[in-house]
Amino acid sequence: RGYVFLVVPLTLVATAVTRTILRRWVARLRGRGLGVQNVLVVGPVADARALFDRLCAGGVQGLRPVGIYPHSADGGGLSAVLGAVQASEAHMVAVVADPELSGQTLRELSWELEERHVDLVVDPGLLDVAGTRLSIHPMADLSLLHVQRTRPSGERMVAKTVFDRVLGVLILLFLSPVLVLLALTIKTTSRGPVLFRQTRVGVDGREFTMLKFRSMVAGADRMVDQLRGGDDGNGVLFKMKNDPRVTRVGAVLRKYSLDELPQLINVLRGDMSLVGPRPPLPREVAEYEGHTHRRLRLRPGLTGLWQVSGRSDLSWEESLRLDLRYVDNWSLALDLQILIRTFRAVAHGAGAY
């Protein structure tokens, strides 16, 4: 049994590392123009421009946007679209969902493109929904796009819990000398306890005590109201780039996120996961509106999409969008990818304060 608990996580990590290396190799080849498909975007101007911009931002996927054809701008019909395909030397046509584009027209377009060996894809207009949650359900003569519900099953949650506990123990054992050294450094360089304890809100709104290495002067929480004028949080979050409460040692801890390491104990207790949404404060949750509460559907994480996408440089809106994307699309494979990206983000020390 011990062999299984050790080998399975290590196998998952090795698989994720291999996939990351292969992904970078493919991205490098595509950066040289190999295996890249030219894409013509067809649809209403505003929606087509939005898709065009998203494709430009995701160039590593092997798609090169080469133009936009606003099919509703004139009466050219299929012949005009096909002319644009030929002129742009497109290998693929991406059609934006549009009420004015009938199913029959789309069907005829697929026939014409097939004869020209050009692929057709349709953007359904769904944002931040992972492909693993989408499937096609044929019904009568229709092809319906089914979006899987996000509430994780019991089996998946058990797998995530086992993953967290086993990998958490291994990381804690490996880093134990570092933790002892950091604790001694904090204790000998500033007054106050080594650990900072703070109430945070976890899964389904349950509160818990989160642990961190103390990076501020003692009593820093009581100074928040005095510092509100210099808030860089841009929303519900309170953040300051040059927070006067941070100690010299604390600044180093924060830059490399070393102050977060005691949260491994929270992971072993079951309060947190290795990967998850950002753990919010009760006063932040009190200001939540609408669908923001969806962040509380999973255990908060020691790291997450917010950690590898800008950290403290993110606005409240950006942090929220990333957390909701994770809640809607999480998987063990995604957790492994985020953990690997976390090491790189922490090593660079960017966006942390």
Foldseek 3Di string as FASTA:
>chain_A
DVVCLVVVLVVLLVVLVVVVVVLVVLLVCVVVVPQAFEEEEEEAPVVSVVVQVVCVVVCSVRYDYQYYDDPVPDDPALVVVVVVCVVSVGQEYEYEDDPVQDPVSVVVNCVVCVVVNHYYHYDPPDPLQDPVQWDWDDDDPDTDIGGHFLQDDPVQVVVQLSSQQSVLVVVCVVCVVVVVVQLVVLVPPADDHQKDWAWFAAAPRDIDIAIWGDFFHPPVVVCQVVCQVQAPQQPLDGDHPPDPRGDPSSVVCQLLVVRLSVRSVVSNVVQAGQEAAATHHPSSVVPDDDPLCLSNNHTHHSYYPCLLPQPQVDHPVVSSVRRVSCSRHPHVSVVSVRVVSNNVSSVVSGNTD
